[in-house]
Amino acid sequence: MSIGAGRYDHLCTLVLERAEDATGCIVMVLGPEPGFSVQVTEPRMLAFLPALLRSCADQIEEDIGRDIKRSTQ
């Protein structure tokens, strides 16, 4: 969840500790217990997350399209 502790908050904490200069972290887990957690050092950063996630989704779709195109050639 984006506000409050999520199911994988402990993993976000670990990532932020390891990535010393990071200002935020999103952990998304796929599988039998899917979920996500978000941690940011400044709460106002949450406003930028929807656009960032949309950009990530666009990149994934582009990559999938390239892979499909390559496999059919």
PDB file of N, CA and C in Angstrom:
ATOM      1  N   MET A   1       0.840  -1.176   0.000  1.00  0.00           N
ATOM      2  CA  MET A   1       0.000   0.000   0.000  1.00  0.00           C
ATOM      3  C   MET A   1       0.883   1.236   0.000  1.00  0.00           C
ATOM      4  N   SER A   2       0.354   2.305  -0.496  1.00  0.00           N
ATOM      5  CA  SER A   2       1.180   3.498  -0.630  1.00  0.00           C
ATOM      6  C   SER A   2       1.170   4.370   0.615  1.00  0.00           C
ATOM      7  N   ILE A   3       0.178   4.206   1.462  1.00  0.00           N
ATOM      8  CA  ILE A   3       0.145   4.972   2.712  1.00  0.00           C
ATOM      9  C   ILE A   3       0.017   3.965   3.852  1.00  0.00           C
ATOM     10  N   GLY A   4       0.925   4.016   4.794  1.00  0.00           N
ATOM     11  CA  GLY A   4       0.938   3.050   5.878  1.00  0.00           C
ATOM     12  C   GLY A   4       1.737   1.816   5.484  1.00  0.00           C
ATOM     13  N   ALA A   5       1.974   0.977   6.447  1.00  0.00           N
ATOM     14  CA  ALA A   5       2.789  -0.218   6.207  1.00  0.00           C
ATOM     15  C   ALA A   5       2.030  -1.212   5.338  1.00  0.00           C
ATOM     16  N   GLY A   6       2.739  -1.754   4.361  1.00  0.00           N
ATOM     17  CA  GLY A   6       2.166  -2.776   3.493  1.00  0.00           C
ATOM     18  C   GLY A   6       2.725  -4.142   3.855  1.00  0.00           C
ATOM     19  N   ARG A   7       2.266  -5.138   3.148  1.00  0.00           N
ATOM     20  CA  ARG A   7       2.672  -6.519   3.407  1.00  0.00           C
ATOM     21  C   ARG A   7       4.180  -6.708   3.286  1.00  0.00           C
ATOM     22  N   TYR A   8       4.806  -5.973   2.373  1.00  0.00           N
ATOM     23  CA  TYR A   8       6.233  -6.153   2.113  1.00  0.00           C
ATOM     24  C   TYR A   8       7.063  -4.951   2.574  1.00  0.00           C
ATOM     25  N   ASP A   9       6.566  -4.271   3.586  1.00  0.00           N
ATOM     26  CA  ASP A   9       7.255  -3.095   4.109  1.00  0.00           C
ATOM     27  C   ASP A   9       8.653  -3.430   4.615  1.00  0.00           C
ATOM     28  N   HIS A  10       8.813  -4.602   5.205  1.00  0.00           N
ATOM     29  CA  HIS A  10      10.127  -4.999   5.714  1.00  0.00           C
ATOM     30  C   HIS A  10      11.154  -5.112   4.580  1.00  0.00           C
ATOM     31  N   LEU A  11      10.700  -5.518   3.394  1.00  0.00           N
ATOM     32  CA  LEU A  11      11.614  -5.590   2.247  1.00  0.00           C
ATOM     33  C   LEU A  11      11.972  -4.195   1.738  1.00  0.00           C
ATOM     34  N   CYS A  12      11.004  -3.286   1.749  1.00  0.00           N
ATOM     35  CA  CYS A  12      11.304  -1.894   1.372  1.00  0.00           C
ATOM     36  C   CYS A  12      12.363  -1.322   2.294  1.00  0.00           C
ATOM     37  N   THR A  13      12.224  -1.562   3.581  1.00  0.00           N
ATOM     38  CA  THR A  13      13.204  -1.059   4.540  1.00  0.00           C
ATOM     39  C   THR A  13      14.587  -1.604   4.210  1.00  0.00           C
ATOM     40  N   LEU A  14      14.677  -2.887   3.929  1.00  0.00           N
ATOM     41  CA  LEU A  14      15.951  -3.513   3.590  1.00  0.00           C
ATOM     42  C   LEU A  14      16.560  -2.878   2.342  1.00  0.00           C
ATOM     43  N   VAL A  15      15.749  -2.691   1.305  1.00  0.00           N
ATOM     44  CA  VAL A  15      16.245  -2.104   0.064  1.00  0.00           C
ATOM     45  C   VAL A  15      16.733  -0.679   0.309  1.00  0.00           C
ATOM     46  N   LEU A  16      15.968   0.117   1.025  1.00  0.00           N
ATOM     47  CA  LEU A  16      16.380   1.493   1.292  1.00  0.00           C
ATOM     48  C   LEU A  16      17.667   1.553   2.107  1.00  0.00           C
ATOM     49  N   GLU A  17      17.833   0.639   3.030  1.00  0.00           N
ATOM     50  CA  GLU A  17      19.076   0.607   3.811  1.00  0.00           C
ATOM     51  C   GLU A  17      20.262   0.234   2.935  1.00  0.00           C
ATOM     52  N   ARG A  18      20.062  -0.689   2.008  1.00  0.00           N
ATOM     53  CA  ARG A  18      21.157  -1.136   1.136  1.00  0.00           C
ATOM     54  C   ARG A  18      21.478  -0.114   0.043  1.00  0.00           C
ATOM     55  N   ALA A  19      20.455   0.560  -0.454  1.00  0.00           N
ATOM     56  CA  ALA A  19      20.635   1.583  -1.494  1.00  0.00           C
ATOM     57  C   ALA A  19      20.802   2.923  -0.782  1.00  0.00           C
ATOM     58  N   GLU A  20      21.990   3.180  -0.344  1.00  0.00           N
ATOM     59  CA  GLU A  20      22.273   4.274   0.583  1.00  0.00           C
ATOM     60  C   GLU A  20      21.747   5.642   0.161  1.00  0.00           C
ATOM     61  N   ASP A  21      21.762   5.956  -1.119  1.00  0.00           N
ATOM     62  CA  ASP A  21      21.337   7.276  -1.561  1.00  0.00           C
ATOM     63  C   ASP A  21      19.892   7.309  -2.058  1.00  0.00           C
ATOM     64  N   ALA A  22      19.189   6.199  -1.942  1.00  0.00           N
ATOM     65  CA  ALA A  22      17.820   6.137  -2.441  1.00  0.00           C
ATOM     66  C   ALA A  22      16.904   7.043  -1.620  1.00  0.00           C
ATOM     67  N   THR A  23      15.949   7.634  -2.311  1.00  0.00           N
ATOM     68  CA  THR A  23      14.965   8.476  -1.637  1.00  0.00           C
ATOM     69  C   THR A  23      13.598   7.809  -1.583  1.00  0.00           C
ATOM     70  N   GLY A  24      13.513   6.616  -2.163  1.00  0.00           N
ATOM     71  CA  GLY A  24      12.262   5.887  -2.120  1.00  0.00           C
ATOM     72  C   GLY A  24      12.440   4.494  -2.669  1.00  0.00           C
ATOM     73  N   CYS A  25      11.434   3.674  -2.435  1.00  0.00           N
ATOM     74  CA  CYS A  25      11.501   2.284  -2.869  1.00  0.00           C
ATOM     75  C   CYS A  25      10.089   1.758  -3.072  1.00  0.00           C
ATOM     76  N   ILE A  26       9.934   0.974  -4.128  1.00  0.00           N
ATOM     77  CA  ILE A  26       8.685   0.256  -4.371  1.00  0.00           C
ATOM     78  C   ILE A  26       9.054  -1.213  -4.493  1.00  0.00           C
ATOM     79  N   VAL A  27       8.435  -2.048  -3.694  1.00  0.00           N
ATOM     80  CA  VAL A  27       8.632  -3.492  -3.804  1.00  0.00           C
ATOM     81  C   VAL A  27       7.289  -4.081  -4.220  1.00  0.00           C
ATOM     82  N   MET A  28       7.294  -4.777  -5.350  1.00  0.00           N
ATOM     83  CA  MET A  28       6.088  -5.421  -5.847  1.00  0.00           C
ATOM     84  C   MET A  28       6.376  -6.914  -5.944  1.00  0.00           C
ATOM     85  N   VAL A  29       5.528  -7.702  -5.346  1.00  0.00           N
ATOM     86  CA  VAL A  29       5.726  -9.149  -5.324  1.00  0.00           C
ATOM     87  C   VAL A  29       4.583  -9.808  -6.092  1.00  0.00           C
ATOM     88  N   LEU A  30       4.963 -10.692  -7.009  1.00  0.00           N
ATOM     89  CA  LEU A  30       3.997 -11.466  -7.768  1.00  0.00           C
ATOM     90  C   LEU A  30       4.029 -12.890  -7.239  1.00  0.00           C
ATOM     91  N   GLY A  31       2.932 -13.529  -7.220  1.00  0.00           N
ATOM     92  CA  GLY A  31       2.930 -14.902  -6.742  1.00  0.00           C
ATOM     93  C   GLY A  31       1.673 -15.205  -5.963  1.00  0.00           C
ATOM     94  N   PRO A  32       1.764 -16.223  -5.135  1.00  0.00           N
ATOM     95  CA  PRO A  32       0.561 -16.652  -4.419  1.00  0.00           C
ATOM     96  C   PRO A  32       0.031 -15.595  -3.451  1.00  0.00           C
ATOM     97  N   GLU A  33       0.904 -14.717  -2.972  1.00  0.00           N
ATOM     98  CA  GLU A  33       0.468 -13.630  -2.100  1.00  0.00           C
ATOM     99  C   GLU A  33       0.947 -12.304  -2.685  1.00  0.00           C
ATOM    100  N   PRO A  34       0.364 -11.865  -3.808  1.00  0.00           N
ATOM    101  CA  PRO A  34       0.838 -10.648  -4.452  1.00  0.00           C
ATOM    102  C   PRO A  34       0.553  -9.424  -3.596  1.00  0.00           C
ATOM    103  N   GLY A  35       1.362  -8.432  -3.785  1.00  0.00           N
ATOM    104  CA  GLY A  35       1.168  -7.181  -3.067  1.00  0.00           C
ATOM    105  C   GLY A  35       2.329  -6.252  -3.327  1.00  0.00           C
ATOM    106  N   PHE A  36       2.247  -5.071  -2.746  1.00  0.00           N
ATOM    107  CA  PHE A  36       3.336  -4.128  -2.898  1.00  0.00           C
ATOM    108  C   PHE A  36       3.441  -3.255  -1.661  1.00  0.00           C
ATOM    109  N   SER A  37       4.605  -2.666  -1.510  1.00  0.00           N
ATOM    110  CA  SER A  37       4.842  -1.697  -0.455  1.00  0.00           C
ATOM    111  C   SER A  37       5.668  -0.555  -1.024  1.00  0.00           C
ATOM    112  N   VAL A  38       5.459   0.609  -0.476  1.00  0.00           N
ATOM    113  CA  VAL A  38       6.160   1.817  -0.906  1.00  0.00           C
ATOM    114  C   VAL A  38       6.708   2.516   0.324  1.00  0.00           C
ATOM    115  N   GLN A  39       7.936   2.980   0.214  1.00  0.00           N
ATOM    116  CA  GLN A  39       8.507   3.838   1.252  1.00  0.00           C
ATOM    117  C   GLN A  39       9.196   5.006   0.557  1.00  0.00           C
ATOM    118  N   VAL A  40       8.988   6.195   1.065  1.00  0.00           N
ATOM    119  CA  VAL A  40       9.647   7.385   0.549  1.00  0.00           C
ATOM    120  C   VAL A  40      10.174   8.191   1.728  1.00  0.00           C
ATOM    121  N   THR A  41      11.233   8.939   1.463  1.00  0.00           N
ATOM    122  CA  THR A  41      11.808   9.752   2.531  1.00  0.00           C
ATOM    123  C   THR A  41      11.047  11.050   2.725  1.00  0.00           C
ATOM    124  N   GLU A  42      10.275  11.446   1.721  1.00  0.00           N
ATOM    125  CA  GLU A  42       9.469  12.671   1.776  1.00  0.00           C
ATOM    126  C   GLU A  42       8.069  12.333   1.272  1.00  0.00           C
ATOM    127  N   PRO A  43       7.045  12.458   2.112  1.00  0.00           N
ATOM    128  CA  PRO A  43       5.694  12.059   1.706  1.00  0.00           C
ATOM    129  C   PRO A  43       5.207  12.698   0.406  1.00  0.00           C
ATOM    130  N   ARG A  44       5.680  13.886   0.080  1.00  0.00           N
ATOM    131  CA  ARG A  44       5.245  14.541  -1.163  1.00  0.00           C
ATOM    132  C   ARG A  44       5.689  13.767  -2.402  1.00  0.00           C
ATOM    133  N   MET A  45       6.668  12.893  -2.242  1.00  0.00           N
ATOM    134  CA  MET A  45       7.145  12.091  -3.381  1.00  0.00           C
ATOM    135  C   MET A  45       6.067  11.135  -3.880  1.00  0.00           C
ATOM    136  N   LEU A  46       5.110  10.788  -3.033  1.00  0.00           N
ATOM    137  CA  LEU A  46       4.039   9.874  -3.446  1.00  0.00           C
ATOM    138  C   LEU A  46       3.267  10.419  -4.643  1.00  0.00           C
ATOM    139  N   ALA A  47       3.211  11.732  -4.774  1.00  0.00           N
ATOM    140  CA  ALA A  47       2.478  12.333  -5.890  1.00  0.00           C
ATOM    141  C   ALA A  47       3.105  11.986  -7.239  1.00  0.00           C
ATOM    142  N   PHE A  48       4.386  11.661  -7.261  1.00  0.00           N
ATOM    143  CA  PHE A  48       5.080  11.344  -8.510  1.00  0.00           C
ATOM    144  C   PHE A  48       4.976   9.863  -8.887  1.00  0.00           C
ATOM    145  N   LEU A  49       4.546   9.034  -7.955  1.00  0.00           N
ATOM    146  CA  LEU A  49       4.525   7.593  -8.207  1.00  0.00           C
ATOM    147  C   LEU A  49       3.570   7.152  -9.310  1.00  0.00           C
ATOM    148  N   PRO A  50       2.351   7.675  -9.405  1.00  0.00           N
ATOM    149  CA  PRO A  50       1.477   7.209 -10.492  1.00  0.00           C
ATOM    150  C   PRO A  50       2.104   7.405 -11.876  1.00  0.00           C
ATOM    151  N   ALA A  51       2.698   8.569 -12.129  1.00  0.00           N
ATOM    152  CA  ALA A  51       3.327   8.807 -13.439  1.00  0.00           C
ATOM    153  C   ALA A  51       4.522   7.884 -13.642  1.00  0.00           C
ATOM    154  N   LEU A  52       5.303   7.650 -12.589  1.00  0.00           N
ATOM    155  CA  LEU A  52       6.450   6.747 -12.691  1.00  0.00           C
ATOM    156  C   LEU A  52       5.994   5.328 -13.023  1.00  0.00           C
ATOM    157  N   LEU A  53       4.959   4.870 -12.351  1.00  0.00           N
ATOM    158  CA  LEU A  53       4.452   3.517 -12.600  1.00  0.00           C
ATOM    159  C   LEU A  53       3.856   3.396 -13.999  1.00  0.00           C
ATOM    160  N   ARG A  54       3.172   4.449 -14.472  1.00  0.00           N
ATOM    161  CA  ARG A  54       2.649   4.417 -15.847  1.00  0.00           C
ATOM    162  C   ARG A  54       3.787   4.334 -16.851  1.00  0.00           C
ATOM    163  N   SER A  55       4.859   5.061 -16.580  1.00  0.00           N
ATOM    164  CA  SER A  55       6.027   5.018 -17.456  1.00  0.00           C
ATOM    165  C   SER A  55       6.641   3.623 -17.463  1.00  0.00           C
ATOM    166  N   CYS A  56       6.725   3.005 -16.305  1.00  0.00           N
ATOM    167  CA  CYS A  56       7.251   1.636 -16.215  1.00  0.00           C
ATOM    168  C   CYS A  56       6.358   0.684 -17.006  1.00  0.00           C
ATOM    169  N   ALA A  57       5.045   0.830 -16.874  1.00  0.00           N
ATOM    170  CA  ALA A  57       4.115  -0.034 -17.607  1.00  0.00           C
ATOM    171  C   ALA A  57       4.281   0.157 -19.110  1.00  0.00           C
ATOM    172  N   ASP A  58       4.451   1.399 -19.544  1.00  0.00           N
ATOM    173  CA  ASP A  58       4.668   1.664 -20.972  1.00  0.00           C
ATOM    174  C   ASP A  58       5.939   0.976 -21.463  1.00  0.00           C
ATOM    175  N   GLN A  59       6.999   1.042 -20.678  1.00  0.00           N
ATOM    176  CA  GLN A  59       8.260   0.410 -21.066  1.00  0.00           C
ATOM    177  C   GLN A  59       8.113  -1.103 -21.146  1.00  0.00           C
ATOM    178  N   ILE A  60       7.389  -1.683 -20.204  1.00  0.00           N
ATOM    179  CA  ILE A  60       7.167  -3.133 -20.218  1.00  0.00           C
ATOM    180  C   ILE A  60       6.394  -3.529 -21.473  1.00  0.00           C
ATOM    181  N   GLU A  61       5.346  -2.762 -21.795  1.00  0.00           N
ATOM    182  CA  GLU A  61       4.562  -3.064 -22.999  1.00  0.00           C
ATOM    183  C   GLU A  61       5.408  -2.935 -24.260  1.00  0.00           C
ATOM    184  N   GLU A  62       6.268  -1.925 -24.318  1.00  0.00           N
ATOM    185  CA  GLU A  62       7.160  -1.778 -25.467  1.00  0.00           C
ATOM    186  C   GLU A  62       8.108  -2.963 -25.575  1.00  0.00           C
ATOM    187  N   ASP A  63       8.675  -3.385 -24.450  1.00  0.00           N
ATOM    188  CA  ASP A  63       9.585  -4.533 -24.458  1.00  0.00           C
ATOM    189  C   ASP A  63       8.874  -5.802 -24.915  1.00  0.00           C
ATOM    190  N   ILE A  64       7.657  -6.001 -24.427  1.00  0.00           N
ATOM    191  CA  ILE A  64       6.884  -7.180 -24.831  1.00  0.00           C
ATOM    192  C   ILE A  64       6.638  -7.140 -26.331  1.00  0.00           C
ATOM    193  N   GLY A  65       6.267  -5.966 -26.847  1.00  0.00           N
ATOM    194  CA  GLY A  65       6.039  -5.822 -28.285  1.00  0.00           C
ATOM    195  C   GLY A  65       7.265  -6.142 -29.096  1.00  0.00           C
ATOM    196  N   ARG A  66       8.439  -5.684 -28.631  1.00  0.00           N
ATOM    197  CA  ARG A  66       9.692  -5.979 -29.348  1.00  0.00           C
ATOM    198  C   ARG A  66       9.975  -7.475 -29.312  1.00  0.00           C
ATOM    199  N   ASP A  67       9.760  -8.098 -28.154  1.00  0.00           N
ATOM    200  CA  ASP A  67      10.021  -9.544 -28.039  1.00  0.00           C
ATOM    201  C   ASP A  67       9.096 -10.340 -28.945  1.00  0.00           C
ATOM    202  N   ILE A  68       7.836  -9.957 -29.013  1.00  0.00           N
ATOM    203  CA  ILE A  68       6.871 -10.664 -29.865  1.00  0.00           C
ATOM    204  C   ILE A  68       7.262 -10.482 -31.332  1.00  0.00           C
ATOM    205  N   LYS A  69       7.639  -9.256 -31.683  1.00  0.00           N
ATOM    206  CA  LYS A  69       8.029  -8.983 -33.070  1.00  0.00           C
ATOM    207  C   LYS A  69       9.254  -9.816 -33.450  1.00  0.00           C
ATOM    208  N   ARG A  70      10.245  -9.891 -32.540  1.00  0.00           N
ATOM    209  CA  ARG A  70      11.464 -10.681 -32.806  1.00  0.00           C
ATOM    210  C   ARG A  70      11.140 -12.151 -32.969  1.00  0.00           C
ATOM    211  N   SER A  71      10.239 -12.665 -32.149  1.00  0.00           N
ATOM    212  CA  SER A  71       9.950 -14.101 -32.177  1.00  0.00           C
ATOM    213  C   SER A  71       9.168 -14.516 -33.410  1.00  0.00           C
ATOM    214  N   THR A  72       8.512 -13.566 -34.071  1.00  0.00           N
ATOM    215  CA  THR A  72       7.733 -13.911 -35.260  1.00  0.00           C
ATOM    216  C   THR A  72       8.518 -13.662 -36.547  1.00  0.00           C
ATOM    217  N   GLN A  73       9.710 -13.162 -36.452  1.00  0.00           N
ATOM    218  CA  GLN A  73      10.514 -12.901 -37.652  1.00  0.00           C
ATOM    219  C   GLN A  73      11.319 -14.109 -38.040  1.00  0.00           C
TER     220      GLN A  73
END
